[in-house]
Protein backbone atom coordinates (compact mmCIF):
# COMPACT_ATOMS: atom_id res chain seq x y z
CA MET A 1 102.86 103.18 203.65
CA LYS A 2 104.96 101.36 200.95
CA ASP A 3 103.66 103.76 198.09
CA PHE A 4 104.67 106.63 200.62
CA PHE A 5 108.28 105.19 201.01
CA ARG A 6 108.63 104.64 197.27
CA GLY A 7 107.69 108.44 196.52
CA VAL A 8 110.08 109.89 199.02
CA ARG A 9 112.82 107.27 197.59
CA LYS A 10 112.14 108.49 194.03
CA HIS A 11 112.38 112.16 195.08
CA ILE A 12 114.76 112.26 197.70
CA GLY A 13 117.47 113.89 195.89
CA LYS A 14 114.92 116.89 195.18
CA LEU A 15 113.78 116.95 198.97
CA SER A 16 115.41 119.52 201.13
CA ALA A 17 116.42 118.88 204.87
CA GLU A 18 113.14 120.55 205.94
CA ASN A 19 111.14 118.47 203.45
CA LEU A 20 112.86 115.42 204.89
CA ARG A 21 111.97 116.35 208.44
CA GLU A 22 108.35 116.89 207.59
CA GLN A 23 108.14 113.61 205.81
CA TYR A 24 110.04 112.08 208.72
CA GLU A 25 107.44 113.48 211.18
CA LEU A 26 104.40 112.39 209.01
CA VAL A 27 105.74 108.56 209.32
CA ALA A 28 106.52 108.99 212.85
CA ASP A 29 102.95 110.07 213.34
CA GLU A 30 101.51 107.09 211.33
CA LEU A 31 103.63 104.75 213.24
CA ALA A 32 102.58 106.21 216.54
CA ARG A 33 98.73 105.95 215.46
CA SER A 34 99.40 102.41 214.63
CA GLU A 35 101.01 101.64 217.90
CA GLU A 36 98.08 103.41 219.85
CA LEU A 37 95.60 101.45 217.94
CA LEU A 38 97.27 98.04 218.48
CA THR A 39 97.36 99.17 222.26
CA ILE A 40 93.34 100.04 222.64
CA LEU A 41 92.63 96.75 220.80
CA GLN A 42 90.64 94.21 223.14
CA ASP A 43 92.00 91.51 220.79
CA GLY A 44 95.47 90.18 220.89
CA VAL A 45 97.68 90.73 217.64
CA ILE A 46 101.24 89.14 217.67
CA ARG A 47 103.96 89.30 214.65
CA LEU A 48 106.14 86.62 214.37
CA ASP A 49 109.18 86.37 212.13
CA ALA A 50 110.03 83.36 209.84
CA HIS A 51 111.80 81.69 212.91
CA GLY A 52 108.55 81.86 215.30
CA ASP A 53 110.12 84.86 217.20
CA VAL A 54 108.05 87.55 218.53
CA ILE A 55 108.59 90.94 216.82
CA GLN A 56 105.67 92.64 217.93
CA ALA A 57 102.76 92.15 220.50
CA ASN A 58 100.05 94.26 221.90
CA PRO A 59 99.13 94.42 225.42
CA ALA A 60 95.68 92.61 225.01
CA ALA A 61 97.75 89.61 223.90
CA THR A 62 99.84 89.45 226.97
CA ALA A 63 96.82 89.83 229.12
CA LEU A 64 94.95 86.99 227.15
CA LEU A 65 97.75 84.61 227.44
CA GLY A 66 98.51 85.66 231.07
CA GLY A 67 102.20 86.33 230.36
CA ASP A 68 104.91 87.15 228.01
CA PRO A 69 103.87 85.93 224.36
CA ALA A 70 107.44 84.97 223.42
CA SER A 71 107.62 82.42 226.09
CA LEU A 72 103.95 81.33 226.22
CA LEU A 73 103.09 81.16 222.54
CA PRO A 74 105.18 78.15 221.55
CA ASP A 75 102.96 76.00 223.80
CA LEU A 76 100.29 76.75 221.66
CA GLY A 77 101.96 75.04 218.52
CA VAL A 78 101.17 78.02 216.30
CA PRO A 79 101.82 77.19 212.62
CA LEU A 80 104.25 79.46 211.08
CA GLY A 81 103.77 80.90 207.32
CA ARG A 82 100.10 79.49 206.83
CA ALA A 83 96.54 80.15 207.65
CA SER A 84 94.94 78.30 210.51
CA ARG A 85 92.15 78.58 213.00
CA ARG A 86 91.35 76.65 216.24
CA THR A 87 90.06 76.70 219.87
CA VAL A 88 92.45 76.74 222.66
CA ALA A 89 91.37 76.56 226.58
CA LEU A 90 93.76 78.08 228.98
CA THR A 91 93.52 77.58 232.89
CA TYR A 92 96.08 80.24 234.12
CA PRO A 93 95.81 82.86 235.20
CA ASP A 94 92.20 82.52 234.55
CA ALA A 95 90.13 79.88 232.85
CA ARG A 96 89.48 81.22 229.44
CA THR A 97 88.87 79.87 225.74
CA LEU A 98 90.56 81.67 222.88
CA ASP A 99 89.85 81.58 219.22
CA VAL A 100 93.27 81.56 217.58
CA GLN A 101 94.05 82.61 213.94
CA THR A 102 97.20 82.62 212.11
CA LEU A 103 97.76 84.72 208.79
CA PRO A 104 100.87 84.57 206.61
CA PHE A 105 102.00 88.32 205.77
CA ASP A 106 105.08 88.55 203.75
CA ALA A 107 107.74 86.60 205.45
CA GLU A 108 105.94 87.07 208.82
CA THR A 109 102.92 85.35 210.55
CA ILE A 110 100.29 87.10 212.35
CA VAL A 111 98.67 85.69 215.21
CA TYR A 112 94.95 86.77 216.29
CA LEU A 113 93.65 86.21 219.78
CA ARG A 114 90.16 86.67 220.64
CA ASP A 115 88.63 85.71 223.92
CA ILE A 116 85.39 83.68 223.38
CA THR A 117 84.94 82.47 226.92
CA ALA A 118 81.41 84.26 227.31
CA GLU A 119 80.33 83.22 223.87
CA ARG A 120 80.99 79.56 224.41
CA ALA A 121 79.29 79.86 227.94
CA ARG A 122 76.45 81.35 226.26
CA ALA A 123 76.17 78.58 223.41
CA GLU A 124 76.50 75.99 225.96
CA GLU A 125 73.49 77.52 227.88
CA GLU A 126 71.52 77.50 224.94
CA LEU A 127 72.23 74.13 224.18
CA ARG A 128 71.19 72.99 227.76
CA ALA A 129 68.26 75.21 227.60
CA GLY A 130 67.01 73.44 224.11
CA ALA A 131 67.73 70.15 225.58
CA THR A 132 65.67 70.55 228.54
CA LYS A 133 63.08 72.24 226.16
CA ALA A 134 63.39 69.14 223.88
CA VAL A 135 62.93 66.83 226.91
CA GLN A 136 59.83 68.61 228.12
CA ASP A 137 58.32 68.40 224.90
CA LEU A 138 58.84 64.94 224.73
CA ALA A 139 57.81 64.08 228.26
CA ALA A 140 54.51 66.05 227.48
CA GLY A 141 53.93 64.11 224.31
CA VAL A 142 54.60 60.82 226.19
CA ALA A 143 52.05 61.86 228.73
CA HIS A 144 49.62 62.73 226.31
CA GLU A 145 50.22 59.56 224.11
CA ILE A 146 50.02 57.38 227.03
CA GLY A 147 46.52 58.51 228.16
CA ASN A 148 44.46 56.94 225.41
CA PRO A 149 45.95 53.45 225.77
CA LEU A 150 45.54 53.79 229.59
CA ASN A 151 41.86 55.04 229.44
CA ALA A 152 41.21 51.96 226.89
CA ILE A 153 42.65 49.68 229.30
CA SER A 154 40.66 51.08 232.28
CA LEU A 155 37.23 50.60 230.28
CA SER A 156 38.55 47.14 229.28
CA LEU A 157 39.18 45.94 232.73
CA GLN A 158 35.91 47.32 233.95
CA LEU A 159 34.26 44.99 231.11
CA ILE A 160 36.56 42.05 232.21
CA GLU A 161 35.17 42.50 235.83
CA ARG A 162 31.57 41.85 234.33
CA ASP A 163 32.80 38.87 231.99
CA PRO A 164 35.92 37.46 232.66
CA THR A 165 35.65 35.19 229.65
CA ASP A 166 35.56 37.72 227.17
CA LYS A 167 38.57 36.96 225.22
CA GLU A 168 38.12 39.98 222.71
CA THR A 169 38.03 42.69 225.53
CA ILE A 170 41.13 40.75 226.75
CA GLN A 171 42.81 41.06 223.43
CA THR A 172 42.22 44.66 223.12
CA CYS A 173 44.13 45.04 226.74
CA MET A 174 47.03 43.39 225.21
CA GLN A 175 46.91 45.48 222.38
CA GLN A 176 46.99 48.67 224.24
CA VAL A 177 49.87 47.36 226.66
CA LYS A 178 51.77 46.53 223.49
CA ARG A 179 50.99 50.08 222.34
CA LEU A 180 52.24 51.35 225.69
CA ASP A 181 55.57 49.55 225.28
CA GLY A 182 56.18 51.01 221.79
CA ILE A 183 55.60 54.33 223.03
CA ILE A 184 57.94 54.13 225.97
CA ARG A 185 60.70 52.35 223.78
CA ASP A 186 60.45 55.28 221.24
CA PHE A 187 60.68 57.82 223.97
CA LEU A 188 63.95 56.01 225.50
CA ALA A 189 65.44 55.80 222.00
CA ALA A 190 64.93 59.56 221.52
CA LEU A 191 66.49 60.42 225.14
CA ARG A 192 69.38 57.80 224.67
CA PRO A 193 70.80 57.85 221.19
CA HIS A 194 73.70 55.50 220.46
CA ARG A 195 76.43 56.76 218.28
CA PRO A 196 76.73 54.49 215.40
CA ASN A 197 79.40 51.90 214.94
CA LEU A 198 80.36 52.75 211.26
CA ARG A 199 81.85 49.91 209.13
CA PRO A 200 82.20 49.80 205.32
CA GLY A 201 79.22 48.00 203.75
CA SER A 202 76.21 48.54 201.46
CA PRO A 203 72.72 49.75 202.27
CA VAL A 204 71.62 47.02 200.33
CA GLU A 205 71.86 44.29 203.02
CA PRO A 206 69.96 46.13 205.69
CA LEU A 207 67.26 47.06 203.19
CA ARG A 208 66.78 43.42 202.00
CA ARG A 209 66.42 42.41 205.89
CA CYS A 210 63.70 44.85 206.20
CA LEU A 211 61.69 43.70 202.84
CA ASP A 212 62.00 40.10 204.33
CA THR A 213 60.50 41.30 207.62
CA LEU A 214 57.62 43.12 206.05
CA ARG A 215 56.97 40.74 203.38
CA GLU A 216 53.62 39.08 204.93
CA GLN A 217 52.21 42.64 205.32
CA PHE A 218 52.96 43.60 201.90
CA VAL A 219 50.94 40.51 200.61
CA GLU A 220 48.10 41.18 203.31
CA ARG A 221 47.85 45.04 202.14
CA LYS A 222 48.10 44.14 198.48
CA ILE A 223 50.91 46.32 198.00
CA ARG A 224 53.38 45.82 195.26
CA VAL A 225 57.48 46.16 195.76
CA THR A 226 59.78 47.18 193.11
CA LEU A 227 63.22 47.31 193.95
CA ASN A 228 66.02 49.03 191.95
CA VAL A 229 69.38 48.04 192.53
CA PRO A 230 72.29 49.22 190.07
CA ALA A 231 74.74 46.44 189.07
CA ALA A 232 77.75 48.36 190.91
CA LEU A 233 77.21 50.61 194.13
CA PRO A 234 79.87 52.55 195.92
CA ALA A 235 80.58 51.53 199.51
CA VAL A 236 79.58 53.54 202.50
CA ALA A 237 80.47 53.63 206.15
CA LEU A 238 77.24 52.62 208.05
CA ASP A 239 75.95 50.76 211.22
CA ALA A 240 73.78 48.18 209.42
CA ASN A 241 71.56 47.80 212.34
CA GLN A 242 70.67 51.71 212.85
CA ILE A 243 70.17 51.75 208.94
CA GLU A 244 67.79 48.84 208.92
CA GLN A 245 65.78 50.64 211.72
CA VAL A 246 65.64 53.74 209.55
CA PHE A 247 64.57 51.66 206.61
CA PHE A 248 62.05 49.99 208.56
CA ASN A 249 60.32 53.21 209.70
CA LEU A 250 60.23 54.44 206.22
CA LEU A 251 58.86 51.34 204.71
CA LYS A 252 56.27 50.93 207.68
CA ASN A 253 55.25 54.74 207.16
CA ALA A 254 54.70 53.88 203.54
CA LEU A 255 52.52 50.87 204.37
CA GLU A 256 50.32 52.68 206.64
CA ALA A 257 49.85 55.33 204.19
CA MET A 258 48.25 52.82 201.75
CA LYS A 259 45.10 51.31 203.20
CA ASP A 260 43.67 49.78 199.93
CA GLY A 261 46.90 48.58 198.22
CA GLY A 262 49.31 50.36 196.28
CA ALA A 263 53.07 50.30 195.05
CA ILE A 264 56.37 50.94 196.90
CA THR A 265 59.34 51.81 194.53
CA ILE A 266 62.91 51.67 195.99
CA THR A 267 65.66 52.98 193.98
CA LEU A 268 69.14 52.92 194.68
CA ALA A 269 71.76 55.30 193.11
CA SER A 270 75.07 57.11 193.73
CA ASP A 271 76.88 60.10 192.49
CA ASP A 272 80.22 61.58 193.02
CA GLU A 273 79.71 62.26 196.78
CA THR A 274 76.86 59.90 198.01
CA VAL A 275 74.73 56.78 197.95
CA SER A 276 70.91 57.32 197.97
CA VAL A 277 68.00 55.18 198.68
CA ALA A 278 64.42 56.43 197.54
CA PHE A 279 61.30 55.26 198.90
CA ARG A 280 58.38 56.22 196.73
CA ASP A 281 54.74 55.18 197.52
CA THR A 282 51.46 55.64 195.97
CA GLY A 283 49.54 56.72 199.28
CA LEU A 284 47.51 59.70 200.30
CA GLY A 285 50.40 62.09 200.20
CA MET A 286 50.90 65.21 202.64
CA SER A 287 50.12 68.64 202.51
CA ALA A 288 52.80 71.42 202.49
CA GLU A 289 51.88 72.07 206.38
CA GLN A 290 52.49 68.29 207.26
CA LEU A 291 55.66 68.30 205.27
CA ALA A 292 57.04 71.30 207.41
CA HIS A 293 56.74 69.60 210.63
CA LEU A 294 57.30 66.02 209.34
CA PHE A 295 60.58 65.60 211.60
CA GLU A 296 59.07 66.82 214.73
CA PRO A 297 57.95 64.57 217.74
CA TYR A 298 54.53 63.98 217.98
CA ARG A 299 53.62 65.59 214.66
CA THR A 300 52.25 62.47 212.68
CA THR A 301 49.52 61.82 210.11
CA LYS A 302 48.82 58.28 211.51
CA GLU A 303 45.98 57.87 213.97
CA LYS A 304 48.19 55.89 216.41
CA GLY A 305 51.53 57.07 215.69
CA THR A 306 54.00 59.24 217.71
CA GLY A 307 55.97 61.07 215.39
CA LEU A 308 59.35 59.56 217.07
CA GLY A 309 60.01 57.33 214.42
CA LEU A 310 60.89 59.91 211.70
CA MET A 311 62.56 61.98 214.37
CA ILE A 312 64.96 59.05 215.43
CA SER A 313 65.48 58.30 211.72
CA LYS A 314 66.66 61.70 210.83
CA ARG A 315 68.97 61.73 213.96
CA ILE A 316 70.45 58.32 212.85
CA VAL A 317 71.01 59.43 209.32
CA ARG A 318 72.70 62.84 210.36
CA ASP A 319 74.98 60.98 212.73
CA HIS A 320 75.91 58.90 209.53
CA GLY A 321 77.05 62.34 207.86
CA GLY A 322 73.97 61.98 205.67
CA THR A 323 70.60 63.58 205.12
CA ILE A 324 67.00 62.55 204.54
CA ASP A 325 64.36 64.55 202.94
CA ALA A 326 60.90 64.10 201.69
CA GLU A 327 58.68 65.26 198.77
CA SER A 328 55.05 64.78 198.66
CA ALA A 329 51.74 66.31 197.65
CA VAL A 330 48.03 65.57 198.82
CA GLY A 331 46.98 62.44 196.60
CA ALA A 332 50.32 61.97 194.80
CA GLY A 333 52.06 59.78 197.26
CA THR A 334 55.45 60.43 199.01
CA THR A 335 59.03 60.02 198.27
CA PHE A 336 61.70 59.62 201.16
CA THR A 337 65.32 59.82 200.01
CA VAL A 338 68.30 58.95 202.40
CA ARG A 339 71.64 59.96 201.36
CA LEU A 340 74.70 58.88 202.83
CA PRO A 341 78.39 59.80 202.00
CA ARG A 342 80.50 57.66 199.67
CA LEU A 343 83.26 55.61 201.70
CA GLU A 344 86.17 56.90 199.43
CA ARG A 345 84.56 60.56 199.69
CA ARG A 346 84.65 60.34 203.38
CA VAL A 347 88.18 59.13 203.73
CA ARG A 348 89.50 61.65 201.19
CA GLU A 349 87.78 64.52 203.09
CA LEU A 350 89.53 63.37 206.26
CA ALA A 351 92.92 62.98 204.71
CA LYS A 352 92.73 66.67 203.83
């Protein structure tokens, strides 16, 4: 359109009245088509001048806002002269959710409104369905896992009935009850996650507490532990108790992967964005198929495991804004790496 007007202005002295009338009709037709296009759009389009006054608004904008855009738009706090995007919930005349975008256009601001009520409803329904399916899978897994220790307890009680002094059988019962308690605790932890209470700190402290807790088991299993900590390590935002739980799960997995001794190497490092803690063991390793399902509930390589420990660990790390991944090969051991965002990086991003 701008090129058209430039051409007319350049040659206007050479145009006859008839030529000018023809050009005017062409412009009028183009403007009419543009107006018609805005009218049939289902999404709202509003033009604002530099002062935020409405220059133009299509019928869809009026319908979506439930009234005159000139009077209702200020309540949305639309920024002028810059790009933005946010979601707004309206209650009048109908409850609806709008996707509101702004785009700078010369000295104007274009406001684009889209009704995403149905999309949000579908997304929420999918989330509910996914949560229900997850609970069903967890419940089915718990029912299956509980069956084995209950059968063992039932058989042991029958033996105790014949010989109440059989201490070995009584001990077996106690071990199975303890196993049941662990299954239930893991199940509840998976269903009732707690948001982390983030504080500035270092992963070194919770890591050392885990190593102290498991020290006797390392000695008993003849496992050598090497800890590599750099002289300076950036701070991270973490819930020390939850991160300790993650480290404990990873170290416990490494212990159980090495039946006849071995080595665990723990290496802490940092880059421009994260602080990482890598746990490398010399255990049996895992196949590609096992790695693909590693963080799923009740997918485990351990004889008495539930698979919930790694699932919970991944959720904890994700709630910290970090990642956890694994590398492994059969016969070559496994390496789990936890990455947490550096504190100053997190603050810088929030300040943008």
